[in-house]
Protein backbone atom coordinates (compact mmCIF):
# COMPACT_ATOMS: atom_id res chain seq x y z
CA MET A 1 -112.21 -91.97 -71.39
CA ARG A 2 -114.41 -90.38 -74.41
CA ARG A 3 -113.89 -86.92 -72.68
CA TYR A 4 -110.34 -86.90 -72.04
CA LEU A 5 -109.38 -88.23 -75.89
CA GLY A 6 -112.19 -85.40 -77.30
CA THR A 7 -109.82 -83.15 -75.01
CA VAL A 8 -106.49 -83.97 -75.89
CA LEU A 9 -107.91 -83.96 -80.25
CA LEU A 10 -108.82 -80.69 -79.98
CA VAL A 11 -105.71 -79.27 -77.95
CA VAL A 12 -102.69 -81.62 -79.21
CA PHE A 13 -104.31 -81.92 -82.53
CA PRO A 14 -104.01 -78.17 -83.39
CA LEU A 15 -100.62 -77.41 -81.78
CA LEU A 16 -99.29 -80.67 -83.57
CA SER A 17 -100.52 -79.23 -86.60
CA LEU A 18 -99.21 -75.14 -85.84
CA GLY A 19 -95.89 -76.42 -84.77
CA GLY A 20 -95.41 -78.69 -88.69
CA LEU A 21 -96.88 -75.19 -90.38
CA PHE A 22 -94.05 -73.20 -89.30
CA TRP A 23 -91.43 -75.83 -89.70
CA PHE A 24 -92.76 -75.84 -93.10
CA LEU A 25 -92.31 -72.42 -93.87
CA SER A 26 -89.39 -72.06 -92.54
CA VAL A 27 -87.74 -74.92 -94.29
CA SER A 28 -89.47 -73.62 -97.58
CA HIS A 29 -88.63 -70.02 -97.18
CA ARG A 30 -84.73 -70.21 -96.23
CA LEU A 31 -82.32 -67.57 -98.39
CA PRO A 32 -79.87 -69.47 -100.15
CA SER A 33 -77.43 -68.50 -98.24
CA GLU A 34 -78.71 -70.59 -94.79
CA ILE A 35 -78.23 -73.27 -96.58
CA VAL A 36 -76.08 -76.07 -95.87
CA ASN A 37 -74.08 -76.59 -98.96
CA LYS A 38 -72.29 -80.19 -98.87
CA GLU A 39 -72.48 -80.85 -102.05
CA ALA A 40 -70.71 -77.78 -102.86
CA LYS A 41 -72.79 -77.07 -105.93
CA ALA A 42 -73.83 -73.16 -107.02
CA LEU A 43 -77.11 -72.99 -105.85
CA ASP A 44 -80.12 -70.54 -107.59
CA PHE A 45 -81.35 -67.55 -105.71
CA THR A 46 -83.81 -65.47 -106.99
CA ASP A 47 -83.47 -61.79 -107.51
CA ASN A 48 -83.14 -59.03 -104.90
CA THR A 49 -83.16 -61.33 -101.94
CA LEU A 50 -79.45 -61.41 -101.07
CA GLN A 51 -76.47 -59.16 -100.82
CA CYS A 52 -72.59 -58.95 -101.81
CA PRO A 53 -71.05 -59.04 -98.43
CA VAL A 54 -68.10 -57.04 -99.97
CA CYS A 55 -70.37 -53.62 -102.08
CA HIS A 56 -73.54 -54.51 -100.48
CA MET A 57 -75.61 -54.47 -104.21
CA TYR A 58 -78.48 -56.87 -104.63
CA LEU A 59 -78.48 -59.73 -106.84
CA VAL A 60 -80.70 -59.00 -109.67
CA GLY A 61 -79.81 -62.08 -112.73
CA LYS A 62 -77.15 -64.13 -112.33
CA ASN A 63 -74.64 -62.68 -115.01
CA ASP A 64 -71.24 -61.63 -113.60
CA THR A 65 -72.14 -63.38 -110.46
CA ALA A 66 -69.94 -65.85 -108.44
CA GLN A 67 -70.14 -68.75 -105.37
CA ILE A 68 -67.88 -69.50 -102.72
CA ILE A 69 -68.58 -72.48 -100.56
CA THR A 70 -66.21 -72.46 -97.24
CA ALA A 71 -65.15 -75.42 -95.35
CA ASP A 72 -68.14 -75.14 -93.66
CA HIS A 73 -70.39 -75.72 -96.15
CA LYS A 74 -72.19 -72.34 -96.33
CA THR A 75 -72.20 -70.29 -99.85
CA HIS A 76 -71.49 -66.97 -99.94
CA PHE A 77 -72.45 -64.79 -102.83
CA PHE A 78 -70.49 -61.87 -104.97
CA ASP A 79 -72.27 -59.62 -107.79
CA ASP A 80 -68.55 -59.79 -109.45
CA VAL A 81 -65.96 -61.65 -109.05
CA GLY A 82 -63.86 -58.55 -108.46
CA CYS A 83 -66.06 -58.98 -104.65
CA ALA A 84 -65.38 -62.74 -104.57
CA ILE A 85 -60.99 -61.91 -104.74
CA LEU A 86 -62.00 -58.91 -102.43
CA TRP A 87 -63.43 -60.98 -100.13
CA LEU A 88 -61.55 -63.80 -100.33
CA LYS A 89 -58.33 -61.66 -99.14
CA GLU A 90 -60.13 -59.84 -96.57
CA GLN A 91 -61.42 -63.43 -94.63
CA LYS A 92 -57.52 -64.43 -95.33
CA LEU A 93 -58.87 -67.31 -97.48
CA GLU A 94 -56.46 -69.01 -99.51
CA PRO A 95 -58.81 -69.29 -102.91
CA ARG A 96 -57.54 -73.45 -103.74
CA ASN A 97 -59.26 -73.83 -100.18
CA VAL A 98 -62.62 -73.25 -101.17
CA VAL A 99 -65.20 -74.00 -103.49
CA PHE A 100 -65.41 -71.38 -106.29
CA TRP A 101 -68.17 -70.76 -108.69
CA VAL A 102 -68.56 -68.24 -111.42
CA PHE A 103 -71.52 -68.03 -114.12
CA SER A 104 -70.49 -68.01 -117.31
CA GLY A 105 -70.71 -65.36 -120.34
CA ASP A 106 -70.41 -67.73 -123.00
CA THR A 107 -72.19 -70.73 -121.78
CA LYS A 108 -74.95 -69.20 -119.16
CA ARG A 109 -74.36 -71.54 -116.65
CA TYR A 110 -71.80 -71.15 -113.45
CA ILE A 111 -68.31 -73.01 -114.19
CA ASP A 112 -65.25 -73.45 -112.17
CA ALA A 113 -63.46 -70.17 -111.40
CA TYR A 114 -60.49 -72.03 -111.55
CA GLY A 115 -60.53 -73.25 -114.53
CA ALA A 116 -62.53 -70.07 -116.02
CA PHE A 117 -60.71 -67.22 -119.09
CA TYR A 118 -61.79 -63.91 -117.48
CA SER A 119 -61.85 -60.89 -120.18
CA ILE A 120 -60.64 -57.54 -118.93
CA ASP A 121 -62.44 -55.39 -120.40
CA ASP A 122 -65.96 -56.46 -119.81
CA LYS A 123 -68.89 -53.97 -117.84
CA THR A 124 -69.28 -55.68 -114.88
CA PRO A 125 -71.68 -54.73 -112.01
CA MET A 126 -68.87 -53.18 -110.27
CA LEU A 127 -66.60 -52.35 -113.43
CA TYR A 128 -64.08 -54.13 -112.45
CA GLY A 129 -63.83 -55.75 -116.07
CA PHE A 130 -63.70 -59.29 -115.68
CA ARG A 131 -66.20 -61.44 -116.76
CA ALA A 132 -65.58 -65.25 -116.52
CA TYR A 133 -66.13 -67.56 -119.71
CA GLU A 134 -65.28 -70.96 -120.34
CA GLN A 135 -64.11 -70.97 -123.83
CA PHE A 136 -60.53 -69.75 -124.36
CA GLN A 137 -60.40 -67.16 -126.93
CA GLU A 138 -57.68 -63.85 -127.70
CA GLY A 139 -56.83 -61.77 -125.28
CA ARG A 140 -59.16 -63.22 -122.09
CA ILE A 141 -56.52 -64.33 -118.80
CA GLY A 142 -56.81 -67.63 -115.97
CA PHE A 143 -57.61 -67.08 -113.29
CA GLU A 144 -54.56 -66.40 -111.22
CA PRO A 145 -53.76 -63.35 -114.05
CA MET A 146 -57.10 -62.10 -112.43
CA ARG A 147 -56.89 -62.34 -109.15
CA LEU A 148 -53.84 -60.70 -109.13
CA ARG A 149 -54.16 -57.90 -111.63
CA MET A 150 -57.38 -57.12 -109.26
CA LEU A 151 -55.35 -57.67 -105.95
CA ARG A 152 -53.10 -54.59 -107.57
CA GLY A 153 -55.92 -52.59 -108.67
CA GLU A 154 -55.77 -53.47 -112.39
CA THR A 155 -59.27 -52.87 -113.13
CA MET A 156 -61.47 -51.25 -114.96
CA GLN A 157 -62.11 -48.71 -112.48
CA ASP A 158 -58.88 -47.01 -112.40
CA PRO A 159 -58.75 -44.42 -115.01
CA LYS A 160 -55.38 -45.17 -116.14
CA VAL A 161 -56.11 -49.04 -116.75
CA ARG A 162 -59.81 -48.60 -118.52
CA GLN A 163 -58.00 -45.41 -120.97
CA ASN A 164 -54.61 -47.67 -122.18
CA LEU A 165 -57.40 -51.35 -122.51
CA LEU A 166 -59.74 -49.14 -124.37
CA LYS A 167 -57.01 -47.92 -126.95
CA GLY A 168 -56.93 -50.82 -128.84
CA ARG A 169 -60.64 -51.49 -129.40
């Protein structure tokens, strides 16, 4: 009986320990995009670990980033709010059917994209020009006008649009 107990301890215990270690490592090293986000909140991420699904740039810092949480509780990360708008169109998703977070340029935290105010001529990662702000200022626009400009291509990437916007500076 003692020999049997000793064999069980020498075989079973190490196997259970290894299984527990592998489980811990797999859970602790998951990317934020792999997390089931039932709370639909903006998630933290480590620089250079996530790629934007539209332009494939790595996210570095939170400035100008956006996060969309879909009905399946999956969080999608974007380096520029313009990329998020293009992704919604590509996925045939209505903006109001998802939770949409944008990083605010003035309060430096994630805010609801639908209530944000957007500049139209800031330097953003993809040079679309739309940066989210929590506070209203003259010249900033709401979510729908920003979305329509993005879908029509009226961004700082267009030389004519850029020239007209920068003329007044």
